[in-house]
Amino acid sequence: MTGNAGITGRCGPCLAGLSRARWITSREGTAGALSLARLCAAAGFEAAAAFRSDNGRTA
């Protein structure tokens, strides 16, 4: 994805604009993964996790 095309809304970043993005997130069952799932669901999509890790240095 180049720049901020399609992700900036009237009130700042718009999560729905990232619905086709591939995500790096924490392991399933963690608070971080659950938060991402809930935020994306509220925006009307399910995040496609391309990579999962609880170690930020590996991503």
PDB file of N, CA and C in Angstrom:
ATOM      1  N   MET A   1       0.850  -1.161   0.000  1.00  0.00           N
ATOM      2  CA  MET A   1       0.000   0.000   0.000  1.00  0.00           C
ATOM      3  C   MET A   1       0.897   1.226   0.000  1.00  0.00           C
ATOM      4  N   THR A   2       0.614   2.136  -0.879  1.00  0.00           N
ATOM      5  CA  THR A   2       1.431   3.336  -0.948  1.00  0.00           C
ATOM      6  C   THR A   2       0.738   4.511  -0.293  1.00  0.00           C
ATOM      7  N   GLY A   3       1.485   5.227   0.487  1.00  0.00           N
ATOM      8  CA  GLY A   3       0.959   6.406   1.137  1.00  0.00           C
ATOM      9  C   GLY A   3      -0.245   6.097   2.015  1.00  0.00           C
ATOM     10  N   ASN A   4      -1.124   7.061   2.132  1.00  0.00           N
ATOM     11  CA  ASN A   4      -2.325   6.904   2.942  1.00  0.00           C
ATOM     12  C   ASN A   4      -3.579   6.818   2.079  1.00  0.00           C
ATOM     13  N   ALA A   5      -3.422   6.451   0.820  1.00  0.00           N
ATOM     14  CA  ALA A   5      -4.564   6.397  -0.099  1.00  0.00           C
ATOM     15  C   ALA A   5      -5.669   5.516   0.455  1.00  0.00           C
ATOM     16  N   GLY A   6      -6.833   6.091   0.619  1.00  0.00           N
ATOM     17  CA  GLY A   6      -7.997   5.330   1.028  1.00  0.00           C
ATOM     18  C   GLY A   6      -8.135   5.073   2.517  1.00  0.00           C
ATOM     19  N   ILE A   7      -7.206   5.571   3.337  1.00  0.00           N
ATOM     20  CA  ILE A   7      -7.329   5.262   4.761  1.00  0.00           C
ATOM     21  C   ILE A   7      -7.594   6.489   5.620  1.00  0.00           C
ATOM     22  N   THR A   8      -7.599   7.676   5.047  1.00  0.00           N
ATOM     23  CA  THR A   8      -7.822   8.865   5.852  1.00  0.00           C
ATOM     24  C   THR A   8      -9.267   9.313   5.706  1.00  0.00           C
ATOM     25  N   GLY A   9      -9.964   9.372   6.812  1.00  0.00           N
ATOM     26  CA  GLY A   9     -11.360   9.784   6.809  1.00  0.00           C
ATOM     27  C   GLY A   9     -11.521  11.167   7.382  1.00  0.00           C
ATOM     28  N   ARG A  10     -12.764  11.558   7.558  1.00  0.00           N
ATOM     29  CA  ARG A  10     -13.089  12.883   8.066  1.00  0.00           C
ATOM     30  C   ARG A  10     -12.496  13.111   9.440  1.00  0.00           C
ATOM     31  N   CYS A  11     -12.427  12.058  10.255  1.00  0.00           N
ATOM     32  CA  CYS A  11     -11.941  12.191  11.633  1.00  0.00           C
ATOM     33  C   CYS A  11     -10.566  11.560  11.812  1.00  0.00           C
ATOM     34  N   GLY A  12      -9.799  11.456  10.752  1.00  0.00           N
ATOM     35  CA  GLY A  12      -8.474  10.842  10.833  1.00  0.00           C
ATOM     36  C   GLY A  12      -8.456   9.504  10.132  1.00  0.00           C
ATOM     37  N   PRO A  13      -7.555   8.628  10.536  1.00  0.00           N
ATOM     38  CA  PRO A  13      -7.436   7.328   9.864  1.00  0.00           C
ATOM     39  C   PRO A  13      -8.738   6.534   9.923  1.00  0.00           C
ATOM     40  N   CYS A  14      -9.062   5.885   8.827  1.00  0.00           N
ATOM     41  CA  CYS A  14     -10.280   5.089   8.725  1.00  0.00           C
ATOM     42  C   CYS A  14      -9.882   3.618   8.565  1.00  0.00           C
ATOM     43  N   LEU A  15     -10.186   2.806   9.532  1.00  0.00           N
ATOM     44  CA  LEU A  15      -9.778   1.409   9.531  1.00  0.00           C
ATOM     45  C   LEU A  15     -10.365   0.647   8.351  1.00  0.00           C
ATOM     46  N   ALA A  16     -11.572   0.971   7.933  1.00  0.00           N
ATOM     47  CA  ALA A  16     -12.211   0.280   6.811  1.00  0.00           C
ATOM     48  C   ALA A  16     -11.388   0.421   5.531  1.00  0.00           C
ATOM     49  N   GLY A  17     -10.620   1.493   5.420  1.00  0.00           N
ATOM     50  CA  GLY A  17      -9.757   1.694   4.255  1.00  0.00           C
ATOM     51  C   GLY A  17      -8.608   0.701   4.196  1.00  0.00           C
ATOM     52  N   LEU A  18      -8.400  -0.039   5.277  1.00  0.00           N
ATOM     53  CA  LEU A  18      -7.331  -1.039   5.324  1.00  0.00           C
ATOM     54  C   LEU A  18      -7.880  -2.466   5.252  1.00  0.00           C
ATOM     55  N   SER A  19      -9.108  -2.614   4.812  1.00  0.00           N
ATOM     56  CA  SER A  19      -9.750  -3.929   4.810  1.00  0.00           C
ATOM     57  C   SER A  19      -9.066  -4.933   3.889  1.00  0.00           C
ATOM     58  N   ARG A  20      -8.359  -4.483   2.872  1.00  0.00           N
ATOM     59  CA  ARG A  20      -7.678  -5.397   1.951  1.00  0.00           C
ATOM     60  C   ARG A  20      -6.201  -5.600   2.317  1.00  0.00           C
ATOM     61  N   ALA A  21      -5.763  -4.955   3.379  1.00  0.00           N
ATOM     62  CA  ALA A  21      -4.363  -5.064   3.801  1.00  0.00           C
ATOM     63  C   ALA A  21      -4.095  -6.413   4.461  1.00  0.00           C
ATOM     64  N   ARG A  22      -2.842  -6.825   4.436  1.00  0.00           N
ATOM     65  CA  ARG A  22      -2.404  -8.002   5.184  1.00  0.00           C
ATOM     66  C   ARG A  22      -1.791  -7.474   6.470  1.00  0.00           C
ATOM     67  N   TRP A  23      -2.107  -8.115   7.588  1.00  0.00           N
ATOM     68  CA  TRP A  23      -1.762  -7.601   8.901  1.00  0.00           C
ATOM     69  C   TRP A  23      -0.675  -8.423   9.583  1.00  0.00           C
ATOM     70  N   ILE A  24       0.115  -7.760  10.401  1.00  0.00           N
ATOM     71  CA  ILE A  24       1.025  -8.412  11.339  1.00  0.00           C
ATOM     72  C   ILE A  24       0.400  -8.176  12.701  1.00  0.00           C
ATOM     73  N   THR A  25       0.149  -9.248  13.428  1.00  0.00           N
ATOM     74  CA  THR A  25      -0.537  -9.136  14.710  1.00  0.00           C
ATOM     75  C   THR A  25       0.030 -10.144  15.699  1.00  0.00           C
ATOM     76  N   SER A  26      -0.442 -10.082  16.899  1.00  0.00           N
ATOM     77  CA  SER A  26       0.026 -11.012  17.928  1.00  0.00           C
ATOM     78  C   SER A  26      -0.689 -12.360  17.803  1.00  0.00           C
ATOM     79  N   ARG A  27      -0.201 -13.341  18.566  1.00  0.00           N
ATOM     80  CA  ARG A  27      -0.752 -14.703  18.524  1.00  0.00           C
ATOM     81  C   ARG A  27      -2.246 -14.709  18.787  1.00  0.00           C
ATOM     82  N   GLU A  28      -2.948 -15.680  18.184  1.00  0.00           N
ATOM     83  CA  GLU A  28      -4.370 -15.847  18.442  1.00  0.00           C
ATOM     84  C   GLU A  28      -4.593 -16.085  19.932  1.00  0.00           C
ATOM     85  N   GLY A  29      -5.667 -15.546  20.435  1.00  0.00           N
ATOM     86  CA  GLY A  29      -5.999 -15.721  21.841  1.00  0.00           C
ATOM     87  C   GLY A  29      -5.411 -14.670  22.758  1.00  0.00           C
ATOM     88  N   THR A  30      -4.569 -13.795  22.227  1.00  0.00           N
ATOM     89  CA  THR A  30      -3.980 -12.741  23.059  1.00  0.00           C
ATOM     90  C   THR A  30      -4.881 -11.512  23.041  1.00  0.00           C
ATOM     91  N   ALA A  31      -4.665 -10.640  23.993  1.00  0.00           N
ATOM     92  CA  ALA A  31      -5.452  -9.409  24.074  1.00  0.00           C
ATOM     93  C   ALA A  31      -5.269  -8.560  22.818  1.00  0.00           C
ATOM     94  N   GLY A  32      -4.057  -8.517  22.294  1.00  0.00           N
ATOM     95  CA  GLY A  32      -3.794  -7.731  21.089  1.00  0.00           C
ATOM     96  C   GLY A  32      -4.538  -8.257  19.876  1.00  0.00           C
ATOM     97  N   ALA A  33      -4.530  -9.571  19.695  1.00  0.00           N
ATOM     98  CA  ALA A  33      -5.235 -10.173  18.558  1.00  0.00           C
ATOM     99  C   ALA A  33      -6.742  -9.978  18.701  1.00  0.00           C
ATOM    100  N   LEU A  34      -7.253 -10.103  19.911  1.00  0.00           N
ATOM    101  CA  LEU A  34      -8.675  -9.899  20.147  1.00  0.00           C
ATOM    102  C   LEU A  34      -9.070  -8.444  19.881  1.00  0.00           C
ATOM    103  N   SER A  35      -8.239  -7.521  20.297  1.00  0.00           N
ATOM    104  CA  SER A  35      -8.511  -6.102  20.048  1.00  0.00           C
ATOM    105  C   SER A  35      -8.552  -5.803  18.556  1.00  0.00           C
ATOM    106  N   LEU A  36      -7.580  -6.343  17.807  1.00  0.00           N
ATOM    107  CA  LEU A  36      -7.566  -6.130  16.365  1.00  0.00           C
ATOM    108  C   LEU A  36      -8.823  -6.720  15.731  1.00  0.00           C
ATOM    109  N   ALA A  37      -9.189  -7.925  16.129  1.00  0.00           N
ATOM    110  CA  ALA A  37     -10.380  -8.565  15.573  1.00  0.00           C
ATOM    111  C   ALA A  37     -11.634  -7.734  15.852  1.00  0.00           C
ATOM    112  N   ARG A  38     -11.753  -7.217  17.055  1.00  0.00           N
ATOM    113  CA  ARG A  38     -12.930  -6.414  17.410  1.00  0.00           C
ATOM    114  C   ARG A  38     -12.963  -5.083  16.664  1.00  0.00           C
ATOM    115  N   LEU A  39     -11.822  -4.432  16.548  1.00  0.00           N
ATOM    116  CA  LEU A  39     -11.766  -3.167  15.823  1.00  0.00           C
ATOM    117  C   LEU A  39     -12.126  -3.346  14.356  1.00  0.00           C
ATOM    118  N   CYS A  40     -11.575  -4.394  13.752  1.00  0.00           N
ATOM    119  CA  CYS A  40     -11.855  -4.653  12.338  1.00  0.00           C
ATOM    120  C   CYS A  40     -13.312  -5.049  12.137  1.00  0.00           C
ATOM    121  N   ALA A  41     -13.859  -5.864  13.039  1.00  0.00           N
ATOM    122  CA  ALA A  41     -15.265  -6.261  12.936  1.00  0.00           C
ATOM    123  C   ALA A  41     -16.172  -5.030  13.030  1.00  0.00           C
ATOM    124  N   ALA A  42     -15.820  -4.100  13.896  1.00  0.00           N
ATOM    125  CA  ALA A  42     -16.613  -2.879  14.025  1.00  0.00           C
ATOM    126  C   ALA A  42     -16.554  -2.040  12.754  1.00  0.00           C
ATOM    127  N   ALA A  43     -15.447  -2.186  12.000  1.00  0.00           N
ATOM    128  CA  ALA A  43     -15.289  -1.459  10.734  1.00  0.00           C
ATOM    129  C   ALA A  43     -15.866  -2.247   9.564  1.00  0.00           C
ATOM    130  N   GLY A  44     -16.355  -3.472   9.827  1.00  0.00           N
ATOM    131  CA  GLY A  44     -17.028  -4.244   8.792  1.00  0.00           C
ATOM    132  C   GLY A  44     -16.199  -5.242   8.026  1.00  0.00           C
ATOM    133  N   PHE A  45     -15.061  -5.653   8.572  1.00  0.00           N
ATOM    134  CA  PHE A  45     -14.244  -6.643   7.881  1.00  0.00           C
ATOM    135  C   PHE A  45     -13.467  -7.491   8.869  1.00  0.00           C
ATOM    136  N   GLU A  46     -12.866  -8.565   8.371  1.00  0.00           N
ATOM    137  CA  GLU A  46     -12.010  -9.434   9.179  1.00  0.00           C
ATOM    138  C   GLU A  46     -10.575  -9.251   8.704  1.00  0.00           C
ATOM    139  N   ALA A  47      -9.669  -8.966   9.622  1.00  0.00           N
ATOM    140  CA  ALA A  47      -8.264  -8.744   9.262  1.00  0.00           C
ATOM    141  C   ALA A  47      -7.627 -10.032   8.748  1.00  0.00           C
ATOM    142  N   ALA A  48      -6.886  -9.940   7.665  1.00  0.00           N
ATOM    143  CA  ALA A  48      -6.148 -11.078   7.121  1.00  0.00           C
ATOM    144  C   ALA A  48      -4.752 -11.051   7.737  1.00  0.00           C
ATOM    145  N   ALA A  49      -4.519 -11.910   8.714  1.00  0.00           N
ATOM    146  CA  ALA A  49      -3.229 -11.953   9.405  1.00  0.00           C
ATOM    147  C   ALA A  49      -2.205 -12.679   8.541  1.00  0.00           C
ATOM    148  N   ALA A  50      -1.208 -11.950   8.064  1.00  0.00           N
ATOM    149  CA  ALA A  50      -0.152 -12.530   7.252  1.00  0.00           C
ATOM    150  C   ALA A  50       0.944 -13.120   8.127  1.00  0.00           C
ATOM    151  N   PHE A  51       1.059 -12.606   9.340  1.00  0.00           N
ATOM    152  CA  PHE A  51       2.121 -13.032  10.248  1.00  0.00           C
ATOM    153  C   PHE A  51       1.662 -12.779  11.670  1.00  0.00           C
ATOM    154  N   ARG A  52       1.948 -13.719  12.566  1.00  0.00           N
ATOM    155  CA  ARG A  52       1.602 -13.566  13.986  1.00  0.00           C
ATOM    156  C   ARG A  52       2.844 -13.785  14.836  1.00  0.00           C
ATOM    157  N   SER A  53       3.052 -12.908  15.789  1.00  0.00           N
ATOM    158  CA  SER A  53       4.178 -13.024  16.708  1.00  0.00           C
ATOM    159  C   SER A  53       3.911 -12.172  17.937  1.00  0.00           C
ATOM    160  N   ASP A  54       4.425 -12.604  19.061  1.00  0.00           N
ATOM    161  CA  ASP A  54       4.362 -11.776  20.267  1.00  0.00           C
ATOM    162  C   ASP A  54       5.686 -11.073  20.500  1.00  0.00           C
ATOM    163  N   ASN A  55       6.588 -11.171  19.543  1.00  0.00           N
ATOM    164  CA  ASN A  55       7.880 -10.528  19.643  1.00  0.00           C
ATOM    165  C   ASN A  55       7.959  -9.452  18.557  1.00  0.00           C
ATOM    166  N   GLY A  56       7.810  -8.205  18.923  1.00  0.00           N
ATOM    167  CA  GLY A  56       7.826  -7.121  17.971  1.00  0.00           C
ATOM    168  C   GLY A  56       9.087  -7.011  17.161  1.00  0.00           C
ATOM    169  N   ARG A  57      10.168  -7.549  17.646  1.00  0.00           N
ATOM    170  CA  ARG A  57      11.439  -7.473  16.914  1.00  0.00           C
ATOM    171  C   ARG A  57      11.489  -8.425  15.728  1.00  0.00           C
ATOM    172  N   THR A  58      10.660  -9.474  15.724  1.00  0.00           N
ATOM    173  CA  THR A  58      10.687 -10.418  14.604  1.00  0.00           C
ATOM    174  C   THR A  58       9.920  -9.902  13.405  1.00  0.00           C
ATOM    175  N   ALA A  59       9.023  -8.982  13.634  1.00  0.00           N
ATOM    176  CA  ALA A  59       8.233  -8.437  12.520  1.00  0.00           C
ATOM    177  C   ALA A  59       9.010  -7.308  11.895  1.00  0.00           C
TER     178      ALA A  59
END
